Amino acid sequence: MSASRVPAFLWVAQRVTAAFLALFVLAHIVTIVYAVRGGLSASEILARTHANLAWPLFYALFVFAASIHGAIGLRTVAHEWLRWRGWTADLAMALIGLALLVLGMRAVVAIVA
């Protein structure tokens, strides 16, 4: 991808992940409210996530979108506030995105294991 297309690609990726995150957050909150009002404890909720492949898949996609969205957002903040540009800023934000992805996936694995 040429350097002139990178900002446009990142802008689109930021908006697409924001749309997915809006849906994921809404589903997450609705599920929490439903479970808590139903009187389920944390251990009962985790017991149900172990038996279902849909929840880990849902949260894996949630984490994937959040890591991309967060890294692009931090890159923009570093660019605007710190005037940090160039490959070092891009590398730092990619590493932050990777760290968010790894840590988030560890949490996803924990709800399955």
Protein backbone atom coordinates (compact mmCIF):
# COMPACT_ATOMS: atom_id res chain seq x y z
CA MET A 1 0.00 0.00 0.00
CA SER A 2 1.40 3.40 -0.91
CA ALA A 3 2.14 5.90 1.85
CA SER A 4 -0.54 8.26 0.57
CA ARG A 5 -3.25 5.60 1.08
CA VAL A 6 -2.32 4.69 4.66
CA PRO A 7 -4.19 7.57 6.35
CA ALA A 8 -7.35 6.81 4.37
CA PHE A 9 -7.09 3.10 5.19
CA LEU A 10 -6.59 3.84 8.89
CA TRP A 11 -9.53 6.25 8.88
CA VAL A 12 -11.80 3.58 7.37
CA ALA A 13 -10.48 0.90 9.74
CA GLN A 14 -11.13 3.20 12.71
CA ARG A 15 -14.74 3.78 11.62
CA VAL A 16 -15.44 0.13 10.79
CA THR A 17 -14.09 -1.07 14.13
CA ALA A 18 -16.09 1.66 15.89
CA ALA A 19 -19.28 0.34 14.30
CA PHE A 20 -18.49 -3.21 15.38
CA LEU A 21 -17.53 -2.06 18.88
CA ALA A 22 -20.83 -0.25 19.24
CA LEU A 23 -22.66 -3.51 18.54
CA PHE A 24 -20.34 -5.56 20.76
CA VAL A 25 -20.64 -3.15 23.70
CA LEU A 26 -24.41 -3.05 23.39
CA ALA A 27 -24.64 -6.86 23.30
CA HIS A 28 -22.21 -7.12 26.22
CA ILE A 29 -24.19 -4.69 28.39
CA VAL A 30 -27.54 -6.25 27.52
CA THR A 31 -26.16 -9.68 28.37
CA ILE A 32 -24.77 -8.47 31.70
CA VAL A 33 -28.04 -6.81 32.68
CA TYR A 34 -30.01 -9.90 31.66
CA ALA A 35 -27.71 -12.22 33.62
CA VAL A 36 -27.63 -10.07 36.75
CA ARG A 37 -31.38 -9.53 36.77
CA GLY A 38 -31.79 -13.26 36.32
CA GLY A 39 -29.86 -13.77 39.52
CA LEU A 40 -26.84 -15.49 37.98
CA SER A 41 -23.58 -15.37 39.87
CA ALA A 42 -20.19 -14.90 38.21
CA SER A 43 -19.41 -18.60 38.57
CA GLU A 44 -22.75 -19.54 36.97
CA ILE A 45 -22.07 -17.18 34.07
CA LEU A 46 -18.59 -18.64 33.54
CA ALA A 47 -20.01 -22.16 33.69
CA ARG A 48 -22.34 -21.26 30.83
CA THR A 49 -19.54 -19.74 28.74
CA HIS A 50 -17.53 -22.97 29.02
CA ALA A 51 -20.30 -24.94 27.35
CA ASN A 52 -20.82 -22.60 24.41
CA LEU A 53 -18.47 -21.76 21.52
CA ALA A 54 -20.42 -18.62 20.57
CA TRP A 55 -19.25 -16.60 23.60
CA PRO A 56 -15.52 -17.07 23.06
CA LEU A 57 -15.99 -16.27 19.38
CA PHE A 58 -18.00 -13.14 20.25
CA TYR A 59 -15.38 -11.94 22.73
CA ALA A 60 -12.49 -12.81 20.40
CA LEU A 61 -14.02 -10.57 17.72
CA PHE A 62 -14.66 -7.92 20.38
CA VAL A 63 -10.99 -8.00 21.44
CA PHE A 64 -9.77 -7.98 17.84
CA ALA A 65 -11.85 -4.89 17.00
CA ALA A 66 -10.88 -3.14 20.23
CA SER A 67 -7.16 -3.72 19.72
CA ILE A 68 -7.25 -2.32 16.20
CA HIS A 69 -9.45 0.61 17.18
CA GLY A 70 -7.35 1.44 20.24
CA ALA A 71 -4.02 1.30 18.43
CA ILE A 72 -5.23 3.54 15.61
CA GLY A 73 -6.73 5.98 18.11
CA LEU A 74 -3.50 6.13 20.12
CA ARG A 75 -1.54 6.68 16.92
CA THR A 76 -3.77 9.64 16.12
CA VAL A 77 -3.42 11.07 19.63
CA ALA A 78 0.38 10.67 19.51
CA HIS A 79 0.42 12.38 16.12
CA GLU A 80 -1.77 15.33 17.18
CA TRP A 81 -0.66 15.93 20.76
CA LEU A 82 2.93 14.76 20.82
CA ARG A 83 3.77 15.48 17.17
CA TRP A 84 5.16 11.94 17.06
CA ARG A 85 5.27 10.82 13.47
CA GLY A 86 7.09 8.38 11.28
CA TRP A 87 7.93 4.73 11.49
CA THR A 88 8.77 4.84 15.22
CA ALA A 89 5.27 6.06 16.07
CA ASP A 90 3.73 3.47 13.76
CA LEU A 91 5.84 0.70 15.29
CA ALA A 92 4.99 1.77 18.84
CA MET A 93 1.27 1.83 18.08
CA ALA A 94 1.46 -1.54 16.31
CA LEU A 95 3.16 -3.00 19.40
CA ILE A 96 0.48 -1.49 21.64
CA GLY A 97 -2.21 -2.96 19.41
CA LEU A 98 -0.48 -6.35 19.55
CA ALA A 99 -0.23 -6.14 23.35
CA LEU A 100 -3.93 -5.30 23.58
CA LEU A 101 -4.73 -8.25 21.32
CA VAL A 102 -2.60 -10.71 23.29
CA LEU A 103 -3.89 -9.58 26.69
CA GLY A 104 -7.48 -9.58 25.47
CA MET A 105 -7.17 -13.05 23.97
CA ARG A 106 -5.76 -14.30 27.27
CA ALA A 107 -9.01 -13.15 28.87
CA VAL A 108 -11.04 -14.88 26.15
CA VAL A 109 -9.13 -18.11 26.71
CA ALA A 110 -9.79 -17.78 30.45
CA ILE A 111 -13.57 -17.83 29.92
CA VAL A 112 -13.26 -21.04 27.92
CA ALA A 113 -10.74 -22.92 30.06
